Amino acid sequence: MSSTIRNLMKRYLNEWLLIKVEETDEADRPIKGELIFHSENRDEVYEKQRGMKGDLYLIYSGEIPQKGYAVAFNA
């Protein structure tokens, strides 16, 4: 089922989202799509994406750190 990117990000807050893009705006930014997979674990989403074809959008739905802050990922 198709949904706006904004709604998917609200519904799956603080998760990585893999979305099949179905509609873009005039600047070619994704605005609507179908959620394929979501997880709190980035590597799980990357693994799911491996080998997939098509117009895909991978995004983190959490808060972006403010300027002056750093983020570290530990696998």
N, C-alpha and C. Protein backbone atom coordinates (compact mmCIF):
# COMPACT_ATOMS: atom_id res chain seq x y z
N MET A 1 0.83 -1.18 0.00
CA MET A 1 0.00 0.00 0.00
C MET A 1 0.88 1.25 0.00
N SER A 2 0.56 2.17 -0.83
CA SER A 2 1.32 3.40 -0.98
C SER A 2 1.00 4.40 0.13
N SER A 3 2.01 5.16 0.53
CA SER A 3 1.85 6.18 1.56
C SER A 3 2.86 7.29 1.31
N THR A 4 2.64 8.43 1.91
CA THR A 4 3.62 9.50 1.76
C THR A 4 4.86 9.15 2.59
N ILE A 5 6.00 9.64 2.13
CA ILE A 5 7.25 9.42 2.86
C ILE A 5 7.13 10.01 4.26
N ARG A 6 6.55 11.17 4.35
CA ARG A 6 6.38 11.85 5.65
C ARG A 6 5.58 10.98 6.63
N ASN A 7 4.49 10.38 6.17
CA ASN A 7 3.68 9.52 7.04
C ASN A 7 4.43 8.27 7.47
N LEU A 8 5.19 7.68 6.55
CA LEU A 8 5.99 6.51 6.90
C LEU A 8 7.03 6.86 7.95
N MET A 9 7.66 8.02 7.82
CA MET A 9 8.68 8.43 8.78
C MET A 9 8.07 8.67 10.17
N LYS A 10 6.85 9.19 10.22
CA LYS A 10 6.17 9.39 11.50
C LYS A 10 5.78 8.06 12.13
N ARG A 11 5.29 7.15 11.30
CA ARG A 11 4.82 5.86 11.81
C ARG A 11 5.96 5.00 12.33
N TYR A 12 7.09 5.04 11.66
CA TYR A 12 8.24 4.21 12.02
C TYR A 12 9.38 5.10 12.51
N LEU A 13 9.11 5.90 13.50
CA LEU A 13 10.07 6.86 14.05
C LEU A 13 11.30 6.15 14.62
N ASN A 14 12.45 6.73 14.34
CA ASN A 14 13.75 6.22 14.81
C ASN A 14 14.09 4.85 14.22
N GLU A 15 13.66 4.61 12.99
CA GLU A 15 13.99 3.37 12.30
C GLU A 15 14.53 3.68 10.91
N TRP A 16 15.23 2.71 10.35
CA TRP A 16 15.69 2.78 8.97
C TRP A 16 14.58 2.23 8.09
N LEU A 17 14.27 2.93 7.01
CA LEU A 17 13.18 2.56 6.12
C LEU A 17 13.70 2.30 4.71
N LEU A 18 13.23 1.23 4.11
CA LEU A 18 13.50 0.92 2.71
C LEU A 18 12.18 1.05 1.97
N ILE A 19 12.12 1.99 1.05
CA ILE A 19 10.87 2.36 0.40
C ILE A 19 11.01 2.24 -1.12
N LYS A 20 10.00 1.63 -1.76
CA LYS A 20 9.93 1.61 -3.22
C LYS A 20 9.24 2.90 -3.64
N VAL A 21 9.97 3.76 -4.33
CA VAL A 21 9.46 5.08 -4.71
C VAL A 21 8.39 4.95 -5.79
N GLU A 22 7.24 5.60 -5.55
CA GLU A 22 6.14 5.59 -6.51
C GLU A 22 5.83 6.97 -7.06
N GLU A 23 6.28 8.01 -6.35
CA GLU A 23 6.02 9.37 -6.82
C GLU A 23 7.11 10.30 -6.30
N THR A 24 7.54 11.22 -7.18
CA THR A 24 8.54 12.22 -6.79
C THR A 24 7.98 13.61 -7.06
N ASP A 25 8.63 14.62 -6.45
CA ASP A 25 8.21 16.00 -6.69
C ASP A 25 8.95 16.55 -7.90
N GLU A 26 8.78 17.83 -8.18
CA GLU A 26 9.39 18.45 -9.35
C GLU A 26 10.92 18.48 -9.29
N ALA A 27 11.48 18.34 -8.08
CA ALA A 27 12.94 18.29 -7.92
C ALA A 27 13.44 16.84 -7.86
N ASP A 28 12.57 15.89 -8.19
CA ASP A 28 12.88 14.46 -8.22
C ASP A 28 13.15 13.88 -6.83
N ARG A 29 12.60 14.50 -5.78
CA ARG A 29 12.71 13.97 -4.42
C ARG A 29 11.52 13.04 -4.17
N PRO A 30 11.76 11.88 -3.55
CA PRO A 30 10.65 10.96 -3.26
C PRO A 30 9.63 11.59 -2.33
N ILE A 31 8.34 11.45 -2.67
CA ILE A 31 7.29 11.96 -1.79
C ILE A 31 6.25 10.90 -1.45
N LYS A 32 6.22 9.81 -2.23
CA LYS A 32 5.25 8.76 -1.99
C LYS A 32 5.85 7.42 -2.37
N GLY A 33 5.53 6.39 -1.60
CA GLY A 33 6.06 5.08 -1.92
C GLY A 33 5.47 3.98 -1.08
N GLU A 34 5.97 2.78 -1.32
CA GLU A 34 5.52 1.58 -0.60
C GLU A 34 6.66 1.10 0.30
N LEU A 35 6.36 0.95 1.58
CA LEU A 35 7.37 0.47 2.53
C LEU A 35 7.66 -0.99 2.23
N ILE A 36 8.93 -1.30 2.01
CA ILE A 36 9.35 -2.66 1.74
C ILE A 36 9.84 -3.32 3.03
N PHE A 37 10.61 -2.56 3.82
CA PHE A 37 11.21 -3.12 5.04
C PHE A 37 11.58 -1.99 5.97
N HIS A 38 11.53 -2.26 7.27
CA HIS A 38 11.97 -1.28 8.27
C HIS A 38 12.61 -2.00 9.44
N SER A 39 13.55 -1.32 10.08
CA SER A 39 14.25 -1.91 11.22
C SER A 39 15.00 -0.81 11.98
N GLU A 40 15.23 -1.05 13.25
CA GLU A 40 16.09 -0.16 14.03
C GLU A 40 17.55 -0.41 13.67
N ASN A 41 17.81 -1.56 13.06
CA ASN A 41 19.17 -1.95 12.71
C ASN A 41 19.44 -1.63 11.24
N ARG A 42 20.35 -0.69 11.02
CA ARG A 42 20.68 -0.26 9.66
C ARG A 42 21.18 -1.40 8.78
N ASP A 43 22.01 -2.28 9.35
CA ASP A 43 22.58 -3.37 8.56
C ASP A 43 21.51 -4.34 8.05
N GLU A 44 20.43 -4.54 8.83
CA GLU A 44 19.34 -5.40 8.37
C GLU A 44 18.68 -4.82 7.12
N VAL A 45 18.54 -3.51 7.10
CA VAL A 45 17.92 -2.85 5.95
C VAL A 45 18.85 -2.92 4.74
N TYR A 46 20.14 -2.69 4.96
CA TYR A 46 21.10 -2.80 3.86
C TYR A 46 21.10 -4.21 3.28
N GLU A 47 21.03 -5.22 4.14
CA GLU A 47 21.01 -6.61 3.69
C GLU A 47 19.76 -6.89 2.87
N LYS A 48 18.63 -6.38 3.31
CA LYS A 48 17.38 -6.58 2.58
C LYS A 48 17.45 -5.91 1.19
N GLN A 49 18.11 -4.76 1.12
CA GLN A 49 18.22 -4.00 -0.13
C GLN A 49 19.14 -4.69 -1.15
N ARG A 50 20.09 -5.45 -0.65
CA ARG A 50 21.08 -6.08 -1.52
C ARG A 50 20.40 -6.89 -2.63
N GLY A 51 20.75 -6.61 -3.85
CA GLY A 51 20.23 -7.34 -4.99
C GLY A 51 18.89 -6.84 -5.50
N MET A 52 18.27 -5.92 -4.80
CA MET A 52 16.98 -5.38 -5.26
C MET A 52 17.22 -4.36 -6.36
N LYS A 53 16.28 -4.28 -7.26
CA LYS A 53 16.38 -3.30 -8.35
C LYS A 53 15.17 -2.40 -8.30
N GLY A 54 15.27 -1.29 -8.98
CA GLY A 54 14.16 -0.35 -9.03
C GLY A 54 14.51 0.94 -8.31
N ASP A 55 13.55 1.80 -8.25
CA ASP A 55 13.74 3.11 -7.62
C ASP A 55 13.49 2.97 -6.13
N LEU A 56 14.57 2.80 -5.36
CA LEU A 56 14.48 2.58 -3.92
C LEU A 56 14.99 3.79 -3.15
N TYR A 57 14.43 3.98 -1.97
CA TYR A 57 14.80 5.09 -1.10
C TYR A 57 15.07 4.53 0.27
N LEU A 58 16.27 4.76 0.79
CA LEU A 58 16.65 4.29 2.11
C LEU A 58 16.88 5.53 2.98
N ILE A 59 16.18 5.61 4.10
CA ILE A 59 16.25 6.80 4.93
C ILE A 59 16.10 6.44 6.40
N TYR A 60 16.73 7.23 7.26
CA TYR A 60 16.56 7.09 8.71
C TYR A 60 15.50 8.08 9.16
N SER A 61 14.53 7.63 9.93
CA SER A 61 13.40 8.48 10.32
C SER A 61 13.58 9.14 11.68
N GLY A 62 14.78 9.08 12.22
CA GLY A 62 15.03 9.70 13.52
C GLY A 62 15.54 11.12 13.38
N GLU A 63 15.85 11.69 14.52
CA GLU A 63 16.33 13.05 14.57
C GLU A 63 17.77 13.14 14.07
N ILE A 64 18.03 14.11 13.24
CA ILE A 64 19.38 14.35 12.73
C ILE A 64 20.14 15.14 13.80
N PRO A 65 21.36 14.72 14.13
CA PRO A 65 22.12 15.44 15.16
C PRO A 65 22.36 16.90 14.77
N GLN A 66 22.34 17.76 15.76
CA GLN A 66 22.59 19.17 15.53
C GLN A 66 24.06 19.42 15.21
N LYS A 67 24.33 20.55 14.59
CA LYS A 67 25.70 20.92 14.25
C LYS A 67 26.53 20.94 15.54
N GLY A 68 27.72 20.36 15.46
CA GLY A 68 28.60 20.31 16.61
C GLY A 68 28.54 18.98 17.36
N TYR A 69 27.58 18.12 17.00
CA TYR A 69 27.46 16.81 17.62
C TYR A 69 27.94 15.75 16.65
N ALA A 70 28.39 14.63 17.20
CA ALA A 70 28.86 13.52 16.37
C ALA A 70 28.06 12.27 16.72
N VAL A 71 27.98 11.36 15.76
CA VAL A 71 27.28 10.10 15.95
C VAL A 71 28.24 8.98 15.63
N ALA A 72 28.23 7.92 16.42
CA ALA A 72 29.06 6.76 16.17
C ALA A 72 28.17 5.52 16.10
N PHE A 73 28.42 4.67 15.11
CA PHE A 73 27.68 3.42 14.97
C PHE A 73 28.60 2.28 15.37
N ASN A 74 28.06 1.34 16.11
CA ASN A 74 28.84 0.19 16.54
C ASN A 74 28.13 -1.07 16.09
N ALA A 75 28.79 -1.85 15.28
CA ALA A 75 28.14 -3.07 14.76
C ALA A 75 28.56 -4.28 15.56
